[in-house]
């Protein structure tokens, strides 16, 4: 996360901190010539901080504003605040960018004709996400601070580990996170936990891409814990860490996009995840169906999902709705969702 912090400091936060908390003249120690990435130039650094690139593979040359705040870049309080803002606001940008692109170019709009599609659902999904992300960021930012302060096994140079590990870290990471997300997600369906934490996400029986991050904040954070724990236990290249964290956020959008490309027994794609939203106690996995199969919770997506002409025909919708109502009674007792006014579903020709 130190690479991301360096990027945002250089282009956004250095000028803000310099303007809001300017350094006093006594803070400065005289002119110093910086000879890092780019052309040498003269700056006025404070005694307490000297620039070192976060990674040898990428660097962002600090501008004069980097040395003009009473809170230097390496002050933990500044780092914590900045990481919180990045986690919250950049998380919103990723959410709205990819959910919007998915909605425009991928999402099957005919899903809105489903009898279990809620009134004003997209607006409600956005509202839940907007309320949850700043709270999730409160829990996440201290973990990112620990990464920046060097308390994890994140590494920079590819020479720091055996060559084979630079490749195998990716399947290791995916296996680790897939396993623990499965059990955390399954635990969130325990009757003592579900109604307090996970029920808000299951408000969306037929989710849209905007449901991807519409969680109770503790629920969303709980399912992210394996991603944060991994670099405390195992080496992970720091640029790979950033890429994998962004990837899971995009994947979360993809499994809610309502377009069922992956009729695949291994990939836990949108079709499998739709089964989870419809029938609750199946398909808890993140990327694969492996742990659902081993844990006895796998449910194969219905064949109708992959045949557009059958997916939203009246008979299919009635059958799905009745079965969903059975599971709602079992899991929640009663259905308190507000659906669209009763309208005859449009027939797909």
Protein backbone atom coordinates (compact mmCIF):
# COMPACT_ATOMS: atom_id res chain seq x y z
CA UNK A 1 0.00 0.00 0.00
CA UNK A 2 3.02 2.31 0.31
CA UNK A 3 3.13 2.54 -3.50
CA UNK A 4 -0.46 3.76 -3.59
CA UNK A 5 0.26 6.16 -0.74
CA UNK A 6 3.24 7.62 -2.62
CA UNK A 7 1.14 8.08 -5.75
CA UNK A 8 -1.68 9.89 -3.97
CA UNK A 9 0.70 11.96 -1.83
CA UNK A 10 2.54 13.21 -4.90
CA UNK A 11 -0.47 14.19 -6.96
CA UNK A 12 -3.10 15.05 -4.36
CA UNK A 13 -2.27 15.08 -0.67
CA UNK A 14 1.09 16.89 -0.58
CA UNK A 15 -0.46 20.18 -1.78
CA UNK A 16 -3.44 19.70 0.57
CA UNK A 17 -1.30 19.12 3.66
CA UNK A 18 1.03 21.98 2.69
CA UNK A 19 -1.96 24.31 2.43
CA UNK A 20 -3.82 23.12 5.54
CA UNK A 21 -0.79 22.45 7.81
CA UNK A 22 2.10 24.52 6.42
CA UNK A 23 5.55 24.08 7.92
CA UNK A 24 7.13 26.87 9.95
CA UNK A 25 10.39 28.38 8.77
CA UNK A 26 12.17 26.74 11.71
CA UNK A 27 11.21 23.35 10.33
CA UNK A 28 13.48 23.67 7.32
CA UNK A 29 17.14 22.69 7.28
CA UNK A 30 18.27 24.47 4.11
CA UNK A 31 18.33 23.66 0.46
CA UNK A 32 18.92 20.09 -0.63
CA UNK A 33 19.34 18.83 -4.17
CA UNK A 34 17.15 15.83 -4.91
CA UNK A 35 18.61 13.38 -7.44
CA UNK A 36 15.93 10.66 -7.54
CA UNK A 37 13.70 9.74 -10.44
CA UNK A 38 13.58 12.49 -13.06
CA UNK A 39 15.79 15.57 -13.37
CA UNK A 40 17.75 16.82 -10.32
CA UNK A 41 16.09 19.81 -8.71
CA UNK A 42 16.40 21.86 -5.55
CA UNK A 43 13.87 21.54 -2.76
CA UNK A 44 13.67 22.61 0.87
CA UNK A 45 13.20 19.43 2.93
CA UNK A 46 12.43 19.26 6.63
CA UNK A 47 14.88 17.50 8.88
CA UNK A 48 12.50 14.65 9.66
CA UNK A 49 11.81 13.22 6.20
CA UNK A 50 13.77 12.24 3.10
CA UNK A 51 12.22 10.73 0.01
CA UNK A 52 12.78 7.06 -0.83
CA UNK A 53 10.71 5.41 -3.58
CA UNK A 54 8.27 2.83 -2.26
CA UNK A 55 9.33 0.40 -4.99
CA UNK A 56 12.31 0.07 -7.29
CA UNK A 57 9.99 -0.53 -10.23
CA UNK A 58 7.98 2.67 -10.06
CA UNK A 59 8.51 6.08 -8.49
CA UNK A 60 6.76 9.43 -8.39
CA UNK A 61 9.12 12.37 -7.95
CA UNK A 62 8.05 14.50 -5.00
CA UNK A 63 7.28 18.11 -5.74
CA UNK A 64 8.10 21.05 -3.51
CA UNK A 65 4.78 20.71 -1.67
CA UNK A 66 6.01 17.38 -0.27
CA UNK A 67 8.42 19.33 1.95
CA UNK A 68 6.16 22.20 2.93
CA UNK A 69 3.85 20.67 5.54
CA UNK A 70 4.29 20.45 9.28
CA UNK A 71 3.13 16.84 8.93
CA UNK A 72 5.81 15.06 6.86
CA UNK A 73 4.91 12.08 4.73
CA UNK A 74 6.28 9.58 7.24
CA UNK A 75 4.18 10.87 10.15
CA UNK A 76 1.95 7.93 11.15
CA UNK A 77 -1.01 10.19 11.88
CA UNK A 78 -0.87 11.68 8.40
CA UNK A 79 -0.42 8.24 6.87
CA UNK A 80 -3.43 6.86 8.76
CA UNK A 81 -5.67 9.75 7.73
CA UNK A 82 -4.51 9.60 4.12
CA UNK A 83 -4.96 5.83 3.92
CA UNK A 84 -8.45 6.19 5.35
CA UNK A 85 -9.39 8.76 2.69
CA UNK A 86 -7.85 6.65 -0.08
CA UNK A 87 -9.63 3.51 1.09
CA UNK A 88 -12.96 5.29 1.34
CA UNK A 89 -12.91 7.65 -1.64
CA UNK A 90 -10.90 5.52 -4.04
CA UNK A 91 -13.12 2.60 -3.05
CA UNK A 92 -16.13 4.66 -4.09
CA UNK A 93 -14.49 5.52 -7.41
CA UNK A 94 -13.73 1.85 -8.16
CA UNK A 95 -17.26 0.86 -7.13
CA UNK A 96 -19.08 3.45 -9.22
CA UNK A 97 -16.74 3.13 -12.20
CA UNK A 98 -16.90 -0.63 -12.60
CA UNK A 99 -20.51 -1.05 -11.45
CA UNK A 100 -21.60 1.62 -13.94
CA UNK A 101 -19.60 0.09 -16.78
CA UNK A 102 -21.02 -3.32 -15.92
CA UNK A 103 -24.56 -1.95 -15.76
CA UNK A 104 -24.25 -0.19 -19.13
CA UNK A 105 -22.40 -2.83 -21.12
CA UNK A 106 -23.02 -6.20 -19.41
CA UNK A 107 -25.99 -6.24 -17.04
CA UNK A 108 -29.13 -7.81 -18.49
CA UNK A 109 -31.73 -5.06 -17.94
CA UNK A 110 -34.58 -7.56 -18.32
CA UNK A 111 -33.70 -8.77 -14.79
CA UNK A 112 -35.58 -5.71 -13.55
CA UNK A 113 -38.77 -7.51 -14.64
CA UNK A 114 -38.18 -10.27 -12.10
CA UNK A 115 -40.92 -10.41 -9.42
CA UNK A 116 -38.24 -10.32 -6.71
CA UNK A 117 -36.60 -7.17 -8.04
CA UNK A 118 -37.15 -4.40 -5.48
CA UNK A 119 -38.75 -1.05 -5.94
CA UNK A 120 -36.02 1.57 -6.50
CA UNK A 121 -33.45 -1.20 -6.02
CA UNK A 122 -30.42 0.43 -7.64
CA UNK A 123 -30.91 3.57 -5.58
CA UNK A 124 -31.14 1.45 -2.43
CA UNK A 125 -27.99 -0.50 -3.37
CA UNK A 126 -26.08 2.74 -3.86
CA UNK A 127 -27.38 4.15 -0.58
CA UNK A 128 -26.25 1.06 1.34
CA UNK A 129 -22.81 1.22 -0.27
CA UNK A 130 -22.41 4.95 0.40
CA UNK A 131 -23.23 4.38 4.07
CA UNK A 132 -20.99 1.33 4.47
CA UNK A 133 -17.75 2.25 2.71
CA UNK A 134 -16.61 5.03 5.09
CA UNK A 135 -17.14 2.70 8.07
CA UNK A 136 -15.39 -0.22 6.35
CA UNK A 137 -12.49 2.14 5.67
CA UNK A 138 -12.18 2.83 9.42
CA UNK A 139 -11.38 -0.84 10.00
CA UNK A 140 -9.21 -1.20 6.90
CA UNK A 141 -6.97 1.88 7.15
CA UNK A 142 -5.05 0.71 10.28
CA UNK A 143 -4.20 -2.54 8.47
CA UNK A 144 -2.89 -0.60 5.49
CA UNK A 145 -0.89 1.54 7.93
CA UNK A 146 0.73 -1.61 9.28
CA UNK A 147 1.72 -2.50 5.70
CA UNK A 148 3.20 0.96 5.10
CA UNK A 149 5.13 0.85 8.39
CA UNK A 150 6.74 -2.43 7.36
CA UNK A 151 4.99 -4.84 9.72
CA UNK A 152 4.08 -7.39 7.05
CA UNK A 153 5.94 -9.80 4.76
CA UNK A 154 5.32 -7.63 1.69
CA UNK A 155 8.46 -7.49 -0.44
CA UNK A 156 9.59 -5.32 -3.32
CA UNK A 157 12.41 -6.83 -5.35
CA UNK A 158 11.70 -10.02 -7.28
CA UNK A 159 15.13 -11.14 -6.12
CA UNK A 160 13.97 -11.19 -2.50
CA UNK A 161 12.33 -14.60 -2.95
CA UNK A 162 13.04 -17.67 -5.10
CA UNK A 163 12.04 -17.17 -8.73
CA UNK A 164 9.35 -19.84 -8.56
CA UNK A 165 7.63 -18.02 -5.70
CA UNK A 166 7.12 -14.88 -7.78
CA UNK A 167 4.75 -16.95 -9.90
CA UNK A 168 3.29 -19.26 -7.27
CA UNK A 169 2.33 -16.44 -4.90
CA UNK A 170 -0.78 -15.85 -7.04
CA UNK A 171 -2.31 -19.33 -6.79
CA UNK A 172 -1.23 -19.48 -3.12
CA UNK A 173 -3.02 -16.19 -2.45
CA UNK A 174 -6.16 -17.24 -4.33
CA UNK A 175 -6.35 -20.62 -2.57
CA UNK A 176 -5.84 -19.02 0.85
CA UNK A 177 -8.41 -16.26 0.38
CA UNK A 178 -10.94 -18.50 -1.37
CA UNK A 179 -10.83 -20.96 1.54
CA UNK A 180 -11.23 -18.40 4.31
CA UNK A 181 -13.79 -16.24 2.50
CA UNK A 182 -15.88 -19.39 2.10
CA UNK A 183 -15.90 -20.10 5.83
CA UNK A 184 -16.37 -16.48 6.85
CA UNK A 185 -19.26 -16.11 4.40
CA UNK A 186 -20.79 -19.36 5.58
CA UNK A 187 -20.42 -18.22 9.18
CA UNK A 188 -22.27 -15.01 8.33
CA UNK A 189 -25.26 -17.20 7.47
CA UNK A 190 -25.40 -18.65 10.98
CA UNK A 191 -28.83 -17.75 12.42
CA UNK A 192 -27.26 -15.83 15.32
CA UNK A 193 -25.21 -13.69 12.92
CA UNK A 194 -27.22 -13.47 9.72
CA UNK A 195 -30.00 -11.11 10.81
CA UNK A 196 -27.52 -8.67 12.39
CA UNK A 197 -24.81 -8.52 9.71
CA UNK A 198 -25.47 -10.37 6.48
CA UNK A 199 -29.18 -9.78 5.92
CA UNK A 200 -28.67 -6.28 4.39
CA UNK A 201 -26.75 -7.84 1.49
CA UNK A 202 -29.45 -10.46 0.97
CA UNK A 203 -32.02 -7.76 0.59
CA UNK A 204 -31.13 -8.02 -3.10
CA UNK A 205 -32.73 -11.26 -4.32
CA UNK A 206 -31.93 -10.35 -7.94
CA UNK A 207 -28.85 -8.14 -7.54
CA UNK A 208 -27.46 -5.59 -9.96
CA UNK A 209 -23.76 -4.64 -10.21
CA UNK A 210 -24.48 -1.88 -7.68
CA UNK A 211 -25.28 -4.55 -5.07
CA UNK A 212 -21.64 -5.69 -5.18
CA UNK A 213 -20.54 -3.53 -2.23
CA UNK A 214 -23.96 -3.01 -0.63
CA UNK A 215 -23.11 -4.73 2.66
CA UNK A 216 -23.41 -4.01 6.33
CA UNK A 217 -19.95 -2.50 6.98
CA UNK A 218 -18.87 -5.23 9.41
CA UNK A 219 -20.02 -7.86 6.94
CA UNK A 220 -18.01 -6.32 4.10
CA UNK A 221 -14.92 -5.96 6.29
CA UNK A 222 -15.21 -9.51 7.64
CA UNK A 223 -15.11 -10.94 4.13
CA UNK A 224 -12.02 -8.87 3.32
CA UNK A 225 -10.02 -10.11 6.32
CA UNK A 226 -8.25 -12.98 4.47
CA UNK A 227 -6.85 -10.47 1.95
CA UNK A 228 -5.35 -8.43 4.77
CA UNK A 229 -4.11 -11.37 6.83
CA UNK A 230 -2.23 -13.10 4.02
CA UNK A 231 0.76 -10.66 3.82
CA UNK A 232 1.20 -10.87 7.59
CA UNK A 233 1.76 -14.62 7.23
CA UNK A 234 3.31 -15.08 3.78
CA UNK A 235 5.49 -13.07 1.40
CA UNK A 236 3.60 -11.09 -1.23
CA UNK A 237 5.09 -8.69 -3.76
CA UNK A 238 3.76 -5.22 -2.96
CA UNK A 239 2.63 -4.32 -6.50
CA UNK A 240 0.94 -7.72 -6.76
CA UNK A 241 -0.80 -6.98 -3.45
CA UNK A 242 -2.33 -3.80 -4.84
CA UNK A 243 -3.37 -5.53 -8.08
CA UNK A 244 -5.01 -8.42 -6.21
CA UNK A 245 -6.93 -6.06 -3.93
CA UNK A 246 -8.28 -4.12 -6.92
CA UNK A 247 -9.05 -7.42 -8.68
CA UNK A 248 -11.28 -8.70 -5.88
CA UNK A 249 -13.28 -5.48 -5.96
CA UNK A 250 -13.82 -5.87 -9.70
CA UNK A 251 -14.64 -9.57 -9.29
CA UNK A 252 -17.23 -8.65 -6.68
CA UNK A 253 -18.93 -6.46 -9.28
CA UNK A 254 -18.69 -9.21 -11.89
CA UNK A 255 -20.46 -11.87 -9.81
CA UNK A 256 -23.40 -9.49 -9.40
CA UNK A 257 -23.65 -8.46 -13.06
CA UNK A 258 -26.47 -10.84 -14.03
CA UNK A 259 -24.78 -12.02 -17.22
CA UNK A 260 -24.18 -15.74 -17.03
CA UNK A 261 -21.20 -16.48 -19.25
CA UNK A 262 -19.45 -19.02 -17.07
CA UNK A 263 -21.40 -22.28 -17.25
CA UNK A 264 -18.40 -23.78 -15.56
CA UNK A 265 -18.28 -26.28 -12.69
CA UNK A 266 -15.17 -24.66 -11.19
CA UNK A 267 -15.64 -20.90 -11.49
CA UNK A 268 -17.96 -19.31 -8.96
CA UNK A 269 -19.27 -16.75 -11.43
CA UNK A 270 -22.44 -14.66 -11.61
CA UNK A 271 -24.65 -17.70 -12.21
CA UNK A 272 -23.44 -19.46 -9.05
CA UNK A 273 -23.73 -16.28 -7.04
CA UNK A 274 -27.26 -15.69 -8.32
CA UNK A 275 -28.14 -19.10 -6.85
CA UNK A 276 -26.76 -17.80 -3.55
CA UNK A 277 -28.93 -14.68 -3.62
CA UNK A 278 -32.03 -16.62 -4.66
CA UNK A 279 -31.67 -19.58 -2.31
CA UNK A 280 -29.39 -18.24 0.46
CA UNK A 281 -27.63 -21.34 1.81
CA UNK A 282 -25.58 -22.33 -1.22
CA UNK A 283 -22.46 -21.21 -3.13
CA UNK A 284 -20.61 -19.25 -0.46
CA UNK A 285 -17.31 -19.26 -2.37
CA UNK A 286 -15.43 -16.28 -3.78
CA UNK A 287 -13.62 -17.42 -6.92
CA UNK A 288 -14.22 -21.16 -7.15
CA UNK A 289 -16.78 -23.79 -6.26
CA UNK A 290 -14.14 -26.02 -4.63
CA UNK A 291 -14.97 -25.36 -0.99
CA UNK A 292 -18.70 -25.42 -1.63
CA UNK A 293 -18.31 -28.87 -3.15
CA UNK A 294 -16.18 -30.08 -0.25
CA UNK A 295 -18.48 -28.41 2.29
CA UNK A 296 -21.70 -29.78 0.77
CA UNK A 297 -23.10 -26.33 -0.07
CA UNK A 298 -22.72 -26.31 -3.85
CA UNK A 299 -25.82 -25.78 -5.95
CA UNK A 300 -25.49 -26.02 -9.72
CA UNK A 301 -27.00 -23.03 -11.53
CA UNK A 302 -30.25 -23.88 -13.24
CA UNK A 303 -30.02 -24.49 -16.97
CA UNK A 304 -32.52 -21.69 -17.61
CA UNK A 305 -29.96 -19.08 -16.53
CA UNK A 306 -27.88 -19.81 -19.61
CA UNK A 307 -30.81 -19.67 -22.03
CA UNK A 308 -32.02 -16.12 -22.34
CA UNK A 309 -35.29 -17.11 -23.96
CA UNK A 310 -36.14 -19.25 -20.89
CA UNK A 311 -34.52 -17.18 -18.15
CA UNK A 312 -37.34 -14.69 -17.79
CA UNK A 313 -40.31 -16.59 -19.14
CA UNK A 314 -43.32 -16.55 -16.83
CA UNK A 315 -43.06 -20.20 -15.79
CA UNK A 316 -39.41 -19.82 -14.78
CA UNK A 317 -40.10 -16.66 -12.79
CA UNK A 318 -43.03 -18.20 -10.94
CA UNK A 319 -41.00 -21.30 -10.09
CA UNK A 320 -38.01 -19.23 -8.87
CA UNK A 321 -40.20 -16.89 -6.85
CA UNK A 322 -41.98 -19.74 -5.05
CA UNK A 323 -38.74 -21.49 -4.16
CA UNK A 324 -37.15 -18.22 -3.05
CA UNK A 325 -40.13 -17.52 -0.79
CA UNK A 326 -39.64 -20.93 0.83
CA UNK A 327 -36.02 -20.11 1.67
CA UNK A 328 -36.94 -16.62 2.88
CA UNK A 329 -39.35 -18.17 5.37
CA UNK A 330 -36.69 -20.65 6.51
CA UNK A 331 -33.90 -18.10 6.86
CA UNK A 332 -35.67 -14.85 7.75
CA UNK A 333 -39.13 -15.88 8.94
CA UNK A 334 -40.94 -13.32 6.82
CA UNK A 335 -40.20 -11.16 3.80
CA UNK A 336 -39.98 -7.45 4.63
CA UNK A 337 -38.73 -6.34 1.21
CA UNK A 338 -40.65 -3.78 -0.84
CA UNK A 339 -41.06 -5.07 -4.37
CA UNK A 340 -42.20 -3.25 -7.46
CA UNK A 341 -46.01 -2.99 -7.78
CA UNK A 342 -47.53 -6.19 -9.10
CA UNK A 343 -47.04 -6.08 -12.84
CA UNK A 344 -47.32 -8.98 -15.24
CA UNK A 345 -43.72 -9.93 -16.15
CA UNK A 346 -42.80 -9.11 -19.69
CA UNK A 347 -42.46 -12.18 -21.89
CA UNK A 348 -39.11 -12.62 -23.61
CA UNK A 349 -39.69 -13.41 -27.24
